[in-house]
C-alpha atoms as a PDB file:
ATOM      1  CA  MET A   1      -0.183   0.034  -0.157  1.00  0.00           C
ATOM      2  CA  ALA A   2       1.432   3.394  -1.121  1.00  0.00           C
ATOM      3  CA  ASN A   3       2.024   6.351   1.341  1.00  0.00           C
ATOM      4  CA  PRO A   4      -1.387   8.027   1.979  1.00  0.00           C
ATOM      5  CA  LEU A   5       0.198  11.375   2.592  1.00  0.00           C
ATOM      6  CA  PRO A   6       0.700  13.711  -0.469  1.00  0.00           C
ATOM      7  CA  PRO A   7       4.133  14.640  -1.044  1.00  0.00           C
ATOM      8  CA  LEU A   8       5.436  17.815   1.533  1.00  0.00           C
ATOM      9  CA  SER A   9       7.064  20.773   0.367  1.00  0.00           C
ATOM     10  CA  LEU A  10      10.714  21.418   1.576  1.00  0.00           C
ATOM     11  CA  LEU A  11       9.629  24.107   4.076  1.00  0.00           C
ATOM     12  CA  GLU A  12       6.861  21.477   5.448  1.00  0.00           C
ATOM     13  CA  THR A  13       9.406  19.013   5.887  1.00  0.00           C
ATOM     14  CA  ARG A  14      11.664  21.550   7.578  1.00  0.00           C
ATOM     15  CA  VAL A  15       8.940  22.628   9.989  1.00  0.00           C
ATOM     16  CA  LEU A  16       8.139  19.189  10.707  1.00  0.00           C
ATOM     17  CA  GLY A  17      11.652  18.236  11.320  1.00  0.00           C
ATOM     18  CA  THR A  18      12.327  21.369  13.601  1.00  0.00           C
ATOM     19  CA  LEU A  19       9.367  20.457  15.833  1.00  0.00           C
ATOM     20  CA  PHE A  20      10.670  17.072  16.351  1.00  0.00           C
ATOM     21  CA  GLU A  21      14.107  18.086  16.841  1.00  0.00           C
ATOM     22  CA  LYS A  22      13.141  21.080  19.450  1.00  0.00           C
ATOM     23  CA  GLN A  23      10.864  18.940  21.434  1.00  0.00           C
ATOM     24  CA  LEU A  24      13.964  16.903  22.411  1.00  0.00           C
ATOM     25  CA  THR A  25      16.567  19.621  22.564  1.00  0.00           C
ATOM     26  CA  VAL A  26      14.587  22.401  24.111  1.00  0.00           C
ATOM     27  CA  PRO A  27      11.752  20.794  25.851  1.00  0.00           C
ATOM     28  CA  ASP A  28      11.178  23.851  27.979  1.00  0.00           C
ATOM     29  CA  SER A  29       9.990  25.814  25.175  1.00  0.00           C
ATOM     30  CA  TYR A  30       8.114  23.150  23.493  1.00  0.00           C
ATOM     31  CA  PRO A  31       5.367  23.501  21.947  1.00  0.00           C
ATOM     32  CA  LEU A  32       6.888  26.068  19.780  1.00  0.00           C
ATOM     33  CA  THR A  33       5.636  29.622  18.908  1.00  0.00           C
ATOM     34  CA  LEU A  34       5.602  30.840  15.381  1.00  0.00           C
ATOM     35  CA  ASN A  35       8.596  33.029  16.141  1.00  0.00           C
ATOM     36  CA  ALA A  36      10.432  30.041  17.541  1.00  0.00           C
ATOM     37  CA  LEU A  37       9.555  27.732  14.912  1.00  0.00           C
ATOM     38  CA  VAL A  38      10.642  30.241  12.175  1.00  0.00           C
ATOM     39  CA  SER A  39      13.939  30.745  13.834  1.00  0.00           C
ATOM     40  CA  GLY A  40      14.468  27.004  13.863  1.00  0.00           C
ATOM     41  CA  CYS A  41      13.510  26.685  10.430  1.00  0.00           C
ATOM     42  CA  ASN A  42      16.032  29.514   9.224  1.00  0.00           C
ATOM     43  CA  GLN A  43      18.984  28.318  11.832  1.00  0.00           C
ATOM     44  CA  LYS A  44      22.532  28.551  10.025  1.00  0.00           C
ATOM     45  CA  THR A  45      23.566  25.341  11.877  1.00  0.00           C
ATOM     46  CA  SER A  46      22.355  21.718  11.376  1.00  0.00           C
ATOM     47  CA  ARG A  47      20.268  22.314   8.380  1.00  0.00           C
ATOM     48  CA  SER A  48      20.985  21.775   4.637  1.00  0.00           C
ATOM     49  CA  PRO A  49      19.942  23.751   2.653  1.00  0.00           C
ATOM     50  CA  VAL A  50      19.901  26.891   4.851  1.00  0.00           C
ATOM     51  CA  MET A  51      16.496  28.601   4.164  1.00  0.00           C
ATOM     52  CA  GLU A  52      15.142  32.287   4.757  1.00  0.00           C
ATOM     53  CA  ALA A  53      11.428  31.533   5.133  1.00  0.00           C
ATOM     54  CA  THR A  54       9.046  34.149   6.403  1.00  0.00           C
ATOM     55  CA  ASP A  55       6.528  33.945   8.872  1.00  0.00           C
ATOM     56  CA  ALA A  56       3.683  33.862   6.543  1.00  0.00           C
ATOM     57  CA  GLU A  57       5.386  31.052   4.658  1.00  0.00           C
ATOM     58  CA  VAL A  58       6.177  29.190   7.799  1.00  0.00           C
ATOM     59  CA  GLN A  59       2.457  29.611   9.051  1.00  0.00           C
ATOM     60  CA  ALA A  60       1.138  28.464   5.308  1.00  0.00           C
ATOM     61  CA  SER A  61       3.203  25.160   5.767  1.00  0.00           C
ATOM     62  CA  VAL A  62       1.960  24.774   9.231  1.00  0.00           C
ATOM     63  CA  ASP A  63      -1.684  25.413   8.322  1.00  0.00           C
ATOM     64  CA  ASN A  64      -1.155  22.612   5.742  1.00  0.00           C
ATOM     65  CA  LEU A  65       0.669  20.206   8.096  1.00  0.00           C
ATOM     66  CA  ARG A  66      -2.438  20.591  10.346  1.00  0.00           C
ATOM     67  CA  ARG A  67      -5.036  19.681   7.724  1.00  0.00           C
ATOM     68  CA  LEU A  68      -2.764  16.291   7.492  1.00  0.00           C
ATOM     69  CA  ASN A  69      -2.871  16.045  11.232  1.00  0.00           C
ATOM     70  CA  LEU A  70       0.823  16.069  11.214  1.00  0.00           C
ATOM     71  CA  VAL A  71       1.076  19.359  13.238  1.00  0.00           C
ATOM     72  CA  MET A  72      -1.206  20.295  16.255  1.00  0.00           C
ATOM     73  CA  GLU A  73      -1.924  23.808  17.626  1.00  0.00           C
ATOM     74  CA  THR A  74      -2.473  23.999  21.338  1.00  0.00           C
ATOM     75  CA  SER A  75      -5.108  26.022  22.630  1.00  0.00           C
ATOM     76  CA  GLY A  76      -5.216  28.527  25.206  1.00  0.00           C
ATOM     77  CA  GLY A  77      -2.524  31.216  26.279  1.00  0.00           C
ATOM     78  CA  ARG A  78      -1.861  34.440  24.609  1.00  0.00           C
ATOM     79  CA  VAL A  79       0.145  33.146  21.665  1.00  0.00           C
ATOM     80  CA  ALA A  80      -0.527  29.878  19.384  1.00  0.00           C
ATOM     81  CA  ARG A  81       1.986  26.892  19.888  1.00  0.00           C
ATOM     82  CA  TYR A  82       2.821  24.136  17.824  1.00  0.00           C
ATOM     83  CA  SER A  83       3.589  20.379  18.236  1.00  0.00           C
ATOM     84  CA  HIS A  84       4.200  17.704  15.800  1.00  0.00           C
ATOM     85  CA  ASN A  85       2.479  14.279  15.466  1.00  0.00           C
ATOM     86  CA  LEU A  86       4.791  12.700  13.203  1.00  0.00           C
ATOM     87  CA  ASP A  87       5.437   9.294  14.781  1.00  0.00           C
ATOM     88  CA  ARG A  88       1.598   8.876  15.525  1.00  0.00           C
ATOM     89  CA  VAL A  89       0.656   9.592  11.908  1.00  0.00           C
ATOM     90  CA  LEU A  90       3.419   7.710  10.187  1.00  0.00           C
ATOM     91  CA  GLN A  91       3.035   5.056  12.919  1.00  0.00           C
ATOM     92  CA  VAL A  92       6.824   4.500  13.397  1.00  0.00           C
ATOM     93  CA  PRO A  93       8.944   4.025  16.413  1.00  0.00           C
ATOM     94  CA  ALA A  94      11.015   6.960  17.926  1.00  0.00           C
ATOM     95  CA  GLN A  95      14.093   5.790  16.644  1.00  0.00           C
ATOM     96  CA  SER A  96      12.785   5.951  12.930  1.00  0.00           C
ATOM     97  CA  ALA A  97      11.111   9.323  13.494  1.00  0.00           C
ATOM     98  CA  ALA A  98      14.607  10.786  14.593  1.00  0.00           C
ATOM     99  CA  LEU A  99      16.001   9.409  11.577  1.00  0.00           C
ATOM    100  CA  LEU A 100      13.241  10.894   9.333  1.00  0.00           C
ATOM    101  CA  ALA A 101      13.552  14.146  11.262  1.00  0.00           C
ATOM    102  CA  SER A 102      17.568  14.178  10.637  1.00  0.00           C
ATOM    103  CA  LEU A 103      16.862  13.722   6.887  1.00  0.00           C
ATOM    104  CA  MET A 104      14.374  16.451   7.006  1.00  0.00           C
ATOM    105  CA  LEU A 105      16.591  18.665   8.415  1.00  0.00           C
ATOM    106  CA  ARG A 106      20.105  18.045   6.936  1.00  0.00           C
ATOM    107  CA  GLY A 107      19.075  16.313   3.681  1.00  0.00           C
ATOM    108  CA  PRO A 108      20.729  13.002   2.367  1.00  0.00           C
ATOM    109  CA  GLN A 109      23.156  11.238   4.848  1.00  0.00           C
ATOM    110  CA  THR A 110      24.970   7.973   5.067  1.00  0.00           C
ATOM    111  CA  ALA A 111      23.950   5.826   8.298  1.00  0.00           C
ATOM    112  CA  GLY A 112      27.252   6.754   9.770  1.00  0.00           C
ATOM    113  CA  GLU A 113      26.487  10.576   9.128  1.00  0.00           C
ATOM    114  CA  LEU A 114      22.862   9.862  10.599  1.00  0.00           C
ATOM    115  CA  ARG A 115      24.373   8.269  13.772  1.00  0.00           C
ATOM    116  CA  ILE A 116      26.283  11.454  14.581  1.00  0.00           C
ATOM    117  CA  SER A 117      23.518  13.891  13.430  1.00  0.00           C
ATOM    118  CA  CYS A 118      20.816  12.020  15.362  1.00  0.00           C
ATOM    119  CA  GLU A 119      22.913  11.824  18.766  1.00  0.00           C
ATOM    120  CA  ARG A 120      20.720  14.677  20.427  1.00  0.00           C
ATOM    121  CA  LEU A 121      17.343  13.039  19.098  1.00  0.00           C
ATOM    122  CA  HIS A 122      18.252   9.228  19.648  1.00  0.00           C
ATOM    123  CA  ARG A 123      21.441   7.586  20.559  1.00  0.00           C
ATOM    124  CA  PHE A 124      21.989   4.588  18.554  1.00  0.00           C
ATOM    125  CA  SER A 125      24.550   2.096  19.708  1.00  0.00           C
ATOM    126  CA  ASP A 126      26.152   1.602  16.398  1.00  0.00           C
ATOM    127  CA  ILE A 127      25.963   2.465  12.667  1.00  0.00           C
ATOM    128  CA  SER A 128      24.202  -1.279  12.347  1.00  0.00           C
ATOM    129  CA  ALA A 129      21.358  -0.080  14.421  1.00  0.00           C
ATOM    130  CA  VAL A 130      20.823   2.831  12.380  1.00  0.00           C
ATOM    131  CA  GLN A 131      21.283   0.686   9.250  1.00  0.00           C
ATOM    132  CA  GLY A 132      18.384  -1.691  10.288  1.00  0.00           C
ATOM    133  CA  PHE A 133      15.862   1.013  11.268  1.00  0.00           C
ATOM    134  CA  LEU A 134      16.580   2.659   7.693  1.00  0.00           C
ATOM    135  CA  GLU A 135      16.045  -0.683   6.124  1.00  0.00           C
ATOM    136  CA  GLU A 136      12.764  -1.085   8.163  1.00  0.00           C
ATOM    137  CA  LEU A 137      11.702   2.284   6.670  1.00  0.00           C
ATOM    138  CA  ALA A 138      12.819   1.484   3.282  1.00  0.00           C
ATOM    139  CA  ALA A 139      10.462  -2.023   3.349  1.00  0.00           C
ATOM    140  CA  ARG A 140       7.535  -0.495   5.427  1.00  0.00           C
ATOM    141  CA  PRO A 141       4.304  -2.337   4.429  1.00  0.00           C
ATOM    142  CA  ALA A 142       2.200   1.068   4.554  1.00  0.00           C
ATOM    143  CA  GLY A 143       4.681   2.343   2.027  1.00  0.00           C
ATOM    144  CA  PRO A 144       8.651   3.211   2.226  1.00  0.00           C
ATOM    145  CA  LEU A 145       9.372   6.508   3.887  1.00  0.00           C
ATOM    146  CA  VAL A 146      13.073   6.620   2.900  1.00  0.00           C
ATOM    147  CA  VAL A 147      15.112   5.269   0.093  1.00  0.00           C
ATOM    148  CA  GLU A 148      19.041   4.177  -0.463  1.00  0.00           C
ATOM    149  CA  LEU A 149      20.330   6.458  -3.211  1.00  0.00           C
ATOM    150  CA  ALA A 150      22.986   5.249  -5.733  1.00  0.00           C
ATOM    151  CA  ARG A 151      26.563   5.736  -4.491  1.00  0.00           C
ATOM    152  CA  LEU A 152      28.349   9.054  -5.768  1.00  0.00           C
ATOM    153  CA  PRO A 153      31.832   8.410  -7.740  1.00  0.00           C
ATOM    154  CA  GLY A 154      34.511   8.555  -4.972  1.00  0.00           C
ATOM    155  CA  ALA A 155      31.949   7.761  -1.948  1.00  0.00           C
ATOM    156  CA  ARG A 156      32.813   5.055   0.137  1.00  0.00           C
ATOM    157  CA  GLU A 157      28.940   4.632   1.516  1.00  0.00           C
ATOM    158  CA  ASN A 158      25.660   4.862   0.112  1.00  0.00           C
ATOM    159  CA  ARG A 159      23.647   7.999   1.540  1.00  0.00           C
ATOM    160  CA  TRP A 160      19.689   7.641   2.568  1.00  0.00           C
ATOM    161  CA  ALA A 161      16.952  10.409   1.710  1.00  0.00           C
ATOM    162  CA  HIS A 162      13.460  10.394   2.962  1.00  0.00           C
ATOM    163  CA  LEU A 163      10.410  10.168   0.749  1.00  0.00           C
ATOM    164  CA  LEU A 164       7.969  12.461   2.582  1.00  0.00           C
ATOM    165  CA  SER A 165       8.366  14.813  -0.507  1.00  0.00           C
ATOM    166  CA  GLY A 166       8.375  12.341  -3.145  1.00  0.00           C
ATOM    167  CA  THR A 167      11.020  10.430  -4.960  1.00  0.00           C
ATOM    168  CA  PRO A 168      14.205  12.294  -4.514  1.00  0.00           C
ATOM    169  CA  GLN A 169      16.013  13.643  -7.693  1.00  0.00           C
ATOM    170  CA  GLN A 170      19.464  11.570  -7.896  1.00  0.00           C
ATOM    171  CA  GLU A 171      22.342  13.771  -7.909  1.00  0.00           C
ATOM    172  CA  THR A 172      24.236  13.823 -11.262  1.00  0.00           C
ATOM    173  CA  PRO A 173      27.849  14.596 -10.817  1.00  0.00           C
ATOM    174  CA  ALA A 174      29.554  16.609 -13.116  1.00  0.00           C
ATOM    175  CA  PRO A 175      31.346  14.320 -15.903  1.00  0.00           C
ATOM    176  CA  ALA A 176      34.456  13.080 -14.025  1.00  0.00           C
ATOM    177  CA  SER A 177      36.220  12.436 -17.547  1.00  0.00           C
ATOM    178  CA  SER A 178      36.048  15.977 -19.080  1.00  0.00           C
ATOM    179  CA  ALA A 179      38.482  17.677 -17.042  1.00  0.00           C
ATOM    180  CA  PRO A 180      41.386  14.996 -17.318  1.00  0.00           C
ATOM    181  CA  VAL A 181      40.577  14.774 -20.999  1.00  0.00           C
ATOM    182  CA  ALA A 182      41.005  18.590 -21.530  1.00  0.00           C
ATOM    183  CA  SER A 183      44.323  18.343 -19.482  1.00  0.00           C
ATOM    184  CA  CYS A 184      45.682  15.320 -21.530  1.00  0.00           C
ATOM    185  CA  ASP A 185      44.743  16.956 -24.810  1.00  0.00           C
ATOM    186  CA  ALA A 186      46.667  20.077 -23.707  1.00  0.00           C
ATOM    187  CA  GLU A 187      49.709  18.126 -22.443  1.00  0.00           C
ATOM    188  CA  VAL A 188      49.633  16.075 -25.954  1.00  0.00           C
ATOM    189  CA  ALA A 189      49.771  19.447 -27.833  1.00  0.00           C
ATOM    190  CA  ALA A 190      52.512  20.935 -25.696  1.00  0.00           C
ATOM    191  CA  LEU A 191      54.696  17.719 -25.927  1.00  0.00           C
ATOM    192  CA  LYS A 192      54.170  17.844 -29.763  1.00  0.00           C
ATOM    193  CA  GLU A 193      55.180  21.436 -30.073  1.00  0.00           C
ATOM    194  CA  ARG A 194      58.293  20.613 -27.926  1.00  0.00           C
ATOM    195  CA  ILE A 195      59.095  17.650 -30.089  1.00  0.00           C
ATOM    196  CA  THR A 196      58.787  20.008 -33.404  1.00  0.00           C
ATOM    197  CA  ARG A 197      60.943  22.410 -31.758  1.00  0.00           C
ATOM    198  CA  LEU A 198      63.701  20.035 -30.477  1.00  0.00           C
ATOM    199  CA  GLU A 199      63.587  18.222 -34.077  1.00  0.00           C
ATOM    200  CA  ALA A 200      64.341  21.853 -35.641  1.00  0.00           C
ATOM    201  CA  GLU A 201      67.000  22.383 -33.293  1.00  0.00           C
ATOM    202  CA  VAL A 202      68.610  19.030 -34.056  1.00  0.00           C
ATOM    203  CA  ALA A 203      68.577  19.912 -37.831  1.00  0.00           C
ATOM    204  CA  ILE A 204      70.204  23.065 -37.343  1.00  0.00           C
ATOM    205  CA  LEU A 205      72.827  21.397 -35.453  1.00  0.00           C
ATOM    206  CA  LYS A 206      73.490  18.635 -37.941  1.00  0.00           C
ATOM    207  CA  ALA A 207      73.644  21.486 -40.666  1.00  0.00           C
ATOM    208  CA  GLN A 208      76.423  23.070 -38.445  1.00  0.00           C
ATOM    209  CA  VAL A 209      78.237  19.997 -38.062  1.00  0.00           C
ATOM    210  CA  ALA A 210      78.036  19.230 -41.676  1.00  0.00           C
ATOM    211  CA  ARG A 211      79.858  22.460 -42.612  1.00  0.00           C
ATOM    212  CA  LEU A 212      82.702  21.967 -40.048  1.00  0.00           C
ATOM    213  CA  SER A 213      83.409  18.698 -41.283  1.00  0.00           C
ATOM    214  CA  PRO A 214      86.119  18.390 -43.850  1.00  0.00           C
END
């Protein structure tokens, strides 16, 4: 069965990931006000890509996530506050929700990178534990929530990406051969020029030697 949720925008996943993160890292300030949520979405550290979302844009994302039951508004008080409902809606354990939140906040990562980036959200015992939960998310009966990306040239490990925004575009690295080929062509041309010059110098020397010979 496919994932019943519609694809989320980049900002919507950023909002969702920020709420999950702040629940664990700053529990005294959770649920978050709109101002705190905007600051969390736009912070310069632990975010990829870095964003500059406006209050109105974040509010629109919150409203859409509320319609999907992924975000809840806390009633009462002078200022509205928001909390996530990620693990309940997706029906995943806390460990899996932490991995999804990190992928939403930081983009595709290897299992080793995820273990480090999830340190404050959930402490995994080792990389194999991270790998196990990723594989469960990828083989989820209700629809996969992560996918293992093709390994980039020169990379030692495969990276993983979430599927809450649909199938991610595979990065297409610049052709690795273009620069070396151009460099080789230039070197060959230089060598040919040098050989031609040396041949001319040898011819001149031979002519001089011939004139000096009796």
